[in-house]
Amino acid sequence: MDSVGAYEAKTQLSKLLERVMKGERITITKHGVPVAILQPPDPGKSGDIKTVISEIFRYRKKHSLKGHSLKELIEEGRR
């Protein structure tokens, strides 16, 4: 696994992504300390669309906004 500094990763992101698309894993470091890993997505993690949508609906039934609108919550997060 190759490693690159954060500055290089920022300036060369498109080239790094090309390498990742070919299967490479790249560690991003900041001051020599690993902070992130660029790697191809795990093909086993992607789910069937119908299953994902049903899981979203199931989640929404269990969690509510408790009378708040989504817009209110977004604005509160911006403060």
PDB file of N, CA and C in Angstrom:
ATOM      1  N   MET A   1       0.853  -1.173   0.000  1.00  0.00           N
ATOM      2  CA  MET A   1       0.000   0.000   0.000  1.00  0.00           C
ATOM      3  C   MET A   1       0.897   1.234   0.000  1.00  0.00           C
ATOM      4  N   ASP A   2       0.614   2.134  -0.900  1.00  0.00           N
ATOM      5  CA  ASP A   2       1.361   3.373  -1.046  1.00  0.00           C
ATOM      6  C   ASP A   2       0.793   4.408  -0.083  1.00  0.00           C
ATOM      7  N   SER A   3       1.581   5.408   0.279  1.00  0.00           N
ATOM      8  CA  SER A   3       1.054   6.488   1.110  1.00  0.00           C
ATOM      9  C   SER A   3       1.467   7.825   0.513  1.00  0.00           C
ATOM     10  N   VAL A   4       0.600   8.829   0.713  1.00  0.00           N
ATOM     11  CA  VAL A   4       0.864  10.183   0.226  1.00  0.00           C
ATOM     12  C   VAL A   4       0.463  11.165   1.318  1.00  0.00           C
ATOM     13  N   GLY A   5       1.094  12.327   1.307  1.00  0.00           N
ATOM     14  CA  GLY A   5       0.752  13.375   2.251  1.00  0.00           C
ATOM     15  C   GLY A   5      -0.571  14.024   1.880  1.00  0.00           C
ATOM     16  N   ALA A   6      -1.183  14.686   2.851  1.00  0.00           N
ATOM     17  CA  ALA A   6      -2.488  15.316   2.646  1.00  0.00           C
ATOM     18  C   ALA A   6      -2.435  16.368   1.542  1.00  0.00           C
ATOM     19  N   TYR A   7      -1.377  17.167   1.498  1.00  0.00           N
ATOM     20  CA  TYR A   7      -1.268  18.200   0.472  1.00  0.00           C
ATOM     21  C   TYR A   7      -1.208  17.571  -0.918  1.00  0.00           C
ATOM     22  N   GLU A   8      -0.381  16.540  -1.057  1.00  0.00           N
ATOM     23  CA  GLU A   8      -0.281  15.856  -2.346  1.00  0.00           C
ATOM     24  C   GLU A   8      -1.623  15.231  -2.719  1.00  0.00           C
ATOM     25  N   ALA A   9      -2.306  14.644  -1.738  1.00  0.00           N
ATOM     26  CA  ALA A   9      -3.608  14.030  -2.016  1.00  0.00           C
ATOM     27  C   ALA A   9      -4.586  15.076  -2.527  1.00  0.00           C
ATOM     28  N   LYS A  10      -4.528  16.268  -1.940  1.00  0.00           N
ATOM     29  CA  LYS A  10      -5.441  17.336  -2.360  1.00  0.00           C
ATOM     30  C   LYS A  10      -5.119  17.782  -3.789  1.00  0.00           C
ATOM     31  N   THR A  11      -3.848  17.928  -4.089  1.00  0.00           N
ATOM     32  CA  THR A  11      -3.479  18.443  -5.411  1.00  0.00           C
ATOM     33  C   THR A  11      -3.516  17.383  -6.505  1.00  0.00           C
ATOM     34  N   GLN A  12      -3.440  16.114  -6.124  1.00  0.00           N
ATOM     35  CA  GLN A  12      -3.394  15.029  -7.105  1.00  0.00           C
ATOM     36  C   GLN A  12      -4.576  14.071  -6.982  1.00  0.00           C
ATOM     37  N   LEU A  13      -5.706  14.550  -6.439  1.00  0.00           N
ATOM     38  CA  LEU A  13      -6.828  13.656  -6.147  1.00  0.00           C
ATOM     39  C   LEU A  13      -7.291  12.870  -7.367  1.00  0.00           C
ATOM     40  N   SER A  14      -7.426  13.508  -8.507  1.00  0.00           N
ATOM     41  CA  SER A  14      -7.942  12.777  -9.672  1.00  0.00           C
ATOM     42  C   SER A  14      -6.992  11.643 -10.076  1.00  0.00           C
ATOM     43  N   LYS A  15      -5.690  11.853  -9.986  1.00  0.00           N
ATOM     44  CA  LYS A  15      -4.734  10.791 -10.315  1.00  0.00           C
ATOM     45  C   LYS A  15      -4.814   9.663  -9.286  1.00  0.00           C
ATOM     46  N   LEU A  16      -4.962  10.035  -8.015  1.00  0.00           N
ATOM     47  CA  LEU A  16      -5.082   9.019  -6.972  1.00  0.00           C
ATOM     48  C   LEU A  16      -6.347   8.191  -7.172  1.00  0.00           C
ATOM     49  N   LEU A  17      -7.438   8.853  -7.540  1.00  0.00           N
ATOM     50  CA  LEU A  17      -8.683   8.120  -7.773  1.00  0.00           C
ATOM     51  C   LEU A  17      -8.553   7.155  -8.948  1.00  0.00           C
ATOM     52  N   GLU A  18      -7.815   7.549  -9.962  1.00  0.00           N
ATOM     53  CA  GLU A  18      -7.574   6.646 -11.095  1.00  0.00           C
ATOM     54  C   GLU A  18      -6.854   5.393 -10.616  1.00  0.00           C
ATOM     55  N   ARG A  19      -5.864   5.578  -9.740  1.00  0.00           N
ATOM     56  CA  ARG A  19      -5.130   4.423  -9.209  1.00  0.00           C
ATOM     57  C   ARG A  19      -6.038   3.541  -8.362  1.00  0.00           C
ATOM     58  N   VAL A  20      -6.892   4.168  -7.566  1.00  0.00           N
ATOM     59  CA  VAL A  20      -7.821   3.412  -6.716  1.00  0.00           C
ATOM     60  C   VAL A  20      -8.789   2.622  -7.582  1.00  0.00           C
ATOM     61  N   MET A  21      -9.240   3.224  -8.677  1.00  0.00           N
ATOM     62  CA  MET A  21     -10.155   2.519  -9.580  1.00  0.00           C
ATOM     63  C   MET A  21      -9.509   1.276 -10.167  1.00  0.00           C
ATOM     64  N   LYS A  22      -8.188   1.250 -10.212  1.00  0.00           N
ATOM     65  CA  LYS A  22      -7.465   0.076 -10.717  1.00  0.00           C
ATOM     66  C   LYS A  22      -7.203  -0.943  -9.614  1.00  0.00           C
ATOM     67  N   GLY A  23      -7.680  -0.648  -8.399  1.00  0.00           N
ATOM     68  CA  GLY A  23      -7.564  -1.618  -7.317  1.00  0.00           C
ATOM     69  C   GLY A  23      -6.563  -1.287  -6.229  1.00  0.00           C
ATOM     70  N   GLU A  24      -5.839  -0.188  -6.356  1.00  0.00           N
ATOM     71  CA  GLU A  24      -4.847   0.166  -5.339  1.00  0.00           C
ATOM     72  C   GLU A  24      -5.503   0.715  -4.071  1.00  0.00           C
ATOM     73  N   ARG A  25      -4.805   0.549  -2.954  1.00  0.00           N
ATOM     74  CA  ARG A  25      -5.177   1.194  -1.685  1.00  0.00           C
ATOM     75  C   ARG A  25      -4.091   2.212  -1.381  1.00  0.00           C
ATOM     76  N   ILE A  26      -4.500   3.433  -1.018  1.00  0.00           N
ATOM     77  CA  ILE A  26      -3.537   4.502  -0.765  1.00  0.00           C
ATOM     78  C   ILE A  26      -3.840   5.113   0.599  1.00  0.00           C
ATOM     79  N   THR A  27      -2.809   5.184   1.448  1.00  0.00           N
ATOM     80  CA  THR A  27      -2.954   5.801   2.756  1.00  0.00           C
ATOM     81  C   THR A  27      -2.618   7.278   2.644  1.00  0.00           C
ATOM     82  N   ILE A  28      -3.463   8.128   3.206  1.00  0.00           N
ATOM     83  CA  ILE A  28      -3.208   9.568   3.249  1.00  0.00           C
ATOM     84  C   ILE A  28      -2.699   9.902   4.646  1.00  0.00           C
ATOM     85  N   THR A  29      -1.577  10.619   4.683  1.00  0.00           N
ATOM     86  CA  THR A  29      -0.980  10.967   5.966  1.00  0.00           C
ATOM     87  C   THR A  29      -0.982  12.480   6.170  1.00  0.00           C
ATOM     88  N   LYS A  30      -0.942  12.863   7.431  1.00  0.00           N
ATOM     89  CA  LYS A  30      -0.803  14.276   7.782  1.00  0.00           C
ATOM     90  C   LYS A  30       0.323  14.347   8.801  1.00  0.00           C
ATOM     91  N   HIS A  31       1.396  15.020   8.430  1.00  0.00           N
ATOM     92  CA  HIS A  31       2.597  15.090   9.266  1.00  0.00           C
ATOM     93  C   HIS A  31       3.110  13.693   9.591  1.00  0.00           C
ATOM     94  N   GLY A  32       3.025  12.788   8.601  1.00  0.00           N
ATOM     95  CA  GLY A  32       3.538  11.441   8.760  1.00  0.00           C
ATOM     96  C   GLY A  32       2.620  10.462   9.467  1.00  0.00           C
ATOM     97  N   VAL A  33       1.466  10.935   9.925  1.00  0.00           N
ATOM     98  CA  VAL A  33       0.526  10.083  10.652  1.00  0.00           C
ATOM     99  C   VAL A  33      -0.624   9.698   9.717  1.00  0.00           C
ATOM    100  N   PRO A  34      -0.914   8.409   9.546  1.00  0.00           N
ATOM    101  CA  PRO A  34      -2.032   8.008   8.688  1.00  0.00           C
ATOM    102  C   PRO A  34      -3.360   8.566   9.202  1.00  0.00           C
ATOM    103  N   VAL A  35      -4.127   9.198   8.299  1.00  0.00           N
ATOM    104  CA  VAL A  35      -5.422   9.763   8.687  1.00  0.00           C
ATOM    105  C   VAL A  35      -6.579   9.212   7.861  1.00  0.00           C
ATOM    106  N   ALA A  36      -6.293   8.620   6.714  1.00  0.00           N
ATOM    107  CA  ALA A  36      -7.368   8.091   5.867  1.00  0.00           C
ATOM    108  C   ALA A  36      -6.793   7.075   4.894  1.00  0.00           C
ATOM    109  N   ILE A  37      -7.686   6.253   4.368  1.00  0.00           N
ATOM    110  CA  ILE A  37      -7.300   5.283   3.343  1.00  0.00           C
ATOM    111  C   ILE A  37      -8.258   5.416   2.171  1.00  0.00           C
ATOM    112  N   LEU A  38      -7.692   5.594   0.991  1.00  0.00           N
ATOM    113  CA  LEU A  38      -8.479   5.564  -0.245  1.00  0.00           C
ATOM    114  C   LEU A  38      -8.431   4.139  -0.758  1.00  0.00           C
ATOM    115  N   GLN A  39      -9.594   3.551  -0.973  1.00  0.00           N
ATOM    116  CA  GLN A  39      -9.640   2.189  -1.475  1.00  0.00           C
ATOM    117  C   GLN A  39     -10.915   1.986  -2.273  1.00  0.00           C
ATOM    118  N   PRO A  40     -10.917   0.994  -3.162  1.00  0.00           N
ATOM    119  CA  PRO A  40     -12.139   0.720  -3.921  1.00  0.00           C
ATOM    120  C   PRO A  40     -13.256   0.301  -2.969  1.00  0.00           C
ATOM    121  N   PRO A  41     -14.508   0.577  -3.332  1.00  0.00           N
ATOM    122  CA  PRO A  41     -15.619   0.168  -2.476  1.00  0.00           C
ATOM    123  C   PRO A  41     -15.709  -1.349  -2.387  1.00  0.00           C
ATOM    124  N   ASP A  42     -16.225  -1.815  -1.277  1.00  0.00           N
ATOM    125  CA  ASP A  42     -16.421  -3.247  -1.065  1.00  0.00           C
ATOM    126  C   ASP A  42     -17.662  -3.672  -1.844  1.00  0.00           C
ATOM    127  N   PRO A  43     -17.513  -4.534  -2.858  1.00  0.00           N
ATOM    128  CA  PRO A  43     -18.674  -4.909  -3.665  1.00  0.00           C
ATOM    129  C   PRO A  43     -19.760  -5.609  -2.853  1.00  0.00           C
ATOM    130  N   GLY A  44     -19.408  -6.226  -1.749  1.00  0.00           N
ATOM    131  CA  GLY A  44     -20.395  -6.901  -0.923  1.00  0.00           C
ATOM    132  C   GLY A  44     -21.254  -5.941  -0.110  1.00  0.00           C
ATOM    133  N   LYS A  45     -20.836  -4.672  -0.011  1.00  0.00           N
ATOM    134  CA  LYS A  45     -21.561  -3.698   0.798  1.00  0.00           C
ATOM    135  C   LYS A  45     -22.739  -3.077   0.056  1.00  0.00           C
ATOM    136  N   SER A  46     -22.703  -3.075  -1.272  1.00  0.00           N
ATOM    137  CA  SER A  46     -23.809  -2.460  -1.998  1.00  0.00           C
ATOM    138  C   SER A  46     -25.015  -3.388  -1.937  1.00  0.00           C
ATOM    139  N   GLY A  47     -26.165  -2.801  -1.684  1.00  0.00           N
ATOM    140  CA  GLY A  47     -27.358  -3.614  -1.515  1.00  0.00           C
ATOM    141  C   GLY A  47     -28.331  -3.480  -2.663  1.00  0.00           C
ATOM    142  N   ASP A  48     -29.288  -4.360  -2.654  1.00  0.00           N
ATOM    143  CA  ASP A  48     -30.375  -4.312  -3.611  1.00  0.00           C
ATOM    144  C   ASP A  48     -31.179  -3.038  -3.362  1.00  0.00           C
ATOM    145  N   ILE A  49     -31.554  -2.327  -4.406  1.00  0.00           N
ATOM    146  CA  ILE A  49     -32.257  -1.059  -4.285  1.00  0.00           C
ATOM    147  C   ILE A  49     -33.542  -1.209  -3.472  1.00  0.00           C
ATOM    148  N   LYS A  50     -34.331  -2.226  -3.753  1.00  0.00           N
ATOM    149  CA  LYS A  50     -35.589  -2.416  -3.022  1.00  0.00           C
ATOM    150  C   LYS A  50     -35.338  -2.648  -1.535  1.00  0.00           C
ATOM    151  N   THR A  51     -34.289  -3.378  -1.210  1.00  0.00           N
ATOM    152  CA  THR A  51     -33.949  -3.632   0.188  1.00  0.00           C
ATOM    153  C   THR A  51     -33.527  -2.338   0.874  1.00  0.00           C
ATOM    154  N   VAL A  52     -32.702  -1.550   0.212  1.00  0.00           N
ATOM    155  CA  VAL A  52     -32.244  -0.285   0.790  1.00  0.00           C
ATOM    156  C   VAL A  52     -33.428   0.646   1.034  1.00  0.00           C
ATOM    157  N   ILE A  53     -34.327   0.753   0.080  1.00  0.00           N
ATOM    158  CA  ILE A  53     -35.489   1.629   0.239  1.00  0.00           C
ATOM    159  C   ILE A  53     -36.378   1.146   1.379  1.00  0.00           C
ATOM    160  N   SER A  54     -36.592  -0.146   1.492  1.00  0.00           N
ATOM    161  CA  SER A  54     -37.426  -0.650   2.589  1.00  0.00           C
ATOM    162  C   SER A  54     -36.756  -0.398   3.940  1.00  0.00           C
ATOM    163  N   GLU A  55     -35.426  -0.475   4.008  1.00  0.00           N
ATOM    164  CA  GLU A  55     -34.717  -0.165   5.246  1.00  0.00           C
ATOM    165  C   GLU A  55     -34.857   1.304   5.614  1.00  0.00           C
ATOM    166  N   ILE A  56     -34.844   2.183   4.622  1.00  0.00           N
ATOM    167  CA  ILE A  56     -35.043   3.613   4.875  1.00  0.00           C
ATOM    168  C   ILE A  56     -36.439   3.852   5.454  1.00  0.00           C
ATOM    169  N   PHE A  57     -37.457   3.251   4.860  1.00  0.00           N
ATOM    170  CA  PHE A  57     -38.822   3.417   5.368  1.00  0.00           C
ATOM    171  C   PHE A  57     -38.961   2.859   6.778  1.00  0.00           C
ATOM    172  N   ARG A  58     -38.331   1.732   7.046  1.00  0.00           N
ATOM    173  CA  ARG A  58     -38.364   1.140   8.386  1.00  0.00           C
ATOM    174  C   ARG A  58     -37.707   2.084   9.404  1.00  0.00           C
ATOM    175  N   TYR A  59     -36.604   2.683   9.025  1.00  0.00           N
ATOM    176  CA  TYR A  59     -35.909   3.635   9.896  1.00  0.00           C
ATOM    177  C   TYR A  59     -36.801   4.844  10.170  1.00  0.00           C
ATOM    178  N   ARG A  60     -37.453   5.350   9.125  1.00  0.00           N
ATOM    179  CA  ARG A  60     -38.309   6.534   9.281  1.00  0.00           C
ATOM    180  C   ARG A  60     -39.490   6.268  10.210  1.00  0.00           C
ATOM    181  N   LYS A  61     -40.006   5.045  10.224  1.00  0.00           N
ATOM    182  CA  LYS A  61     -41.122   4.720  11.109  1.00  0.00           C
ATOM    183  C   LYS A  61     -40.695   4.753  12.571  1.00  0.00           C
ATOM    184  N   LYS A  62     -39.443   4.396  12.851  1.00  0.00           N
ATOM    185  CA  LYS A  62     -38.947   4.345  14.225  1.00  0.00           C
ATOM    186  C   LYS A  62     -38.427   5.693  14.727  1.00  0.00           C
ATOM    187  N   HIS A  63     -38.125   6.615  13.832  1.00  0.00           N
ATOM    188  CA  HIS A  63     -37.531   7.899  14.206  1.00  0.00           C
ATOM    189  C   HIS A  63     -38.381   9.034  13.641  1.00  0.00           C
ATOM    190  N   SER A  64     -38.684  10.004  14.480  1.00  0.00           N
ATOM    191  CA  SER A  64     -39.480  11.134  14.004  1.00  0.00           C
ATOM    192  C   SER A  64     -38.725  12.432  14.243  1.00  0.00           C
ATOM    193  N   LEU A  65     -39.222  13.499  13.645  1.00  0.00           N
ATOM    194  CA  LEU A  65     -38.633  14.819  13.828  1.00  0.00           C
ATOM    195  C   LEU A  65     -39.252  15.542  15.026  1.00  0.00           C
ATOM    196  N   LYS A  66     -40.169  14.870  15.715  1.00  0.00           N
ATOM    197  CA  LYS A  66     -40.809  15.380  16.935  1.00  0.00           C
ATOM    198  C   LYS A  66     -41.397  16.776  16.731  1.00  0.00           C
ATOM    199  N   GLY A  67     -42.155  16.940  15.660  1.00  0.00           N
ATOM    200  CA  GLY A  67     -42.853  18.196  15.410  1.00  0.00           C
ATOM    201  C   GLY A  67     -42.015  19.255  14.715  1.00  0.00           C
ATOM    202  N   HIS A  68     -40.748  19.020  14.517  1.00  0.00           N
ATOM    203  CA  HIS A  68     -39.900  19.996  13.830  1.00  0.00           C
ATOM    204  C   HIS A  68     -39.912  19.715  12.337  1.00  0.00           C
ATOM    205  N   SER A  69     -39.709  20.770  11.575  1.00  0.00           N
ATOM    206  CA  SER A  69     -39.577  20.556  10.135  1.00  0.00           C
ATOM    207  C   SER A  69     -38.103  20.309   9.816  1.00  0.00           C
ATOM    208  N   LEU A  70     -37.871  19.655   8.714  1.00  0.00           N
ATOM    209  CA  LEU A  70     -36.507  19.384   8.293  1.00  0.00           C
ATOM    210  C   LEU A  70     -35.757  20.697   8.081  1.00  0.00           C
ATOM    211  N   LYS A  71     -36.444  21.692   7.546  1.00  0.00           N
ATOM    212  CA  LYS A  71     -35.824  23.005   7.313  1.00  0.00           C
ATOM    213  C   LYS A  71     -35.357  23.617   8.633  1.00  0.00           C
ATOM    214  N   GLU A  72     -36.174  23.513   9.683  1.00  0.00           N
ATOM    215  CA  GLU A  72     -35.786  24.048  10.996  1.00  0.00           C
ATOM    216  C   GLU A  72     -34.519  23.375  11.514  1.00  0.00           C
ATOM    217  N   LEU A  73     -34.461  22.075  11.376  1.00  0.00           N
ATOM    218  CA  LEU A  73     -33.298  21.338  11.861  1.00  0.00           C
ATOM    219  C   LEU A  73     -32.040  21.707  11.087  1.00  0.00           C
ATOM    220  N   ILE A  74     -32.180  21.907   9.784  1.00  0.00           N
ATOM    221  CA  ILE A  74     -31.033  22.301   8.966  1.00  0.00           C
ATOM    222  C   ILE A  74     -30.550  23.675   9.392  1.00  0.00           C
ATOM    223  N   GLU A  75     -31.483  24.619   9.556  1.00  0.00           N
ATOM    224  CA  GLU A  75     -31.110  25.968   9.967  1.00  0.00           C
ATOM    225  C   GLU A  75     -30.452  25.949  11.351  1.00  0.00           C
ATOM    226  N   GLU A  76     -30.945  25.131  12.267  1.00  0.00           N
ATOM    227  CA  GLU A  76     -30.351  25.049  13.598  1.00  0.00           C
ATOM    228  C   GLU A  76     -28.909  24.535  13.530  1.00  0.00           C
ATOM    229  N   GLY A  77     -28.669  23.616  12.626  1.00  0.00           N
ATOM    230  CA  GLY A  77     -27.322  23.088  12.459  1.00  0.00           C
ATOM    231  C   GLY A  77     -26.346  24.094  11.890  1.00  0.00           C
ATOM    232  N   ARG A  78     -26.849  25.133  11.253  1.00  0.00           N
ATOM    233  CA  ARG A  78     -25.981  26.151  10.647  1.00  0.00           C
ATOM    234  C   ARG A  78     -25.551  27.218  11.642  1.00  0.00           C
ATOM    235  N   ARG A  79     -26.162  27.225  12.820  1.00  0.00           N
ATOM    236  CA  ARG A  79     -25.815  28.268  13.812  1.00  0.00           C
ATOM    237  C   ARG A  79     -24.554  27.943  14.520  1.00  0.00           C
TER     238      ARG A  79
END
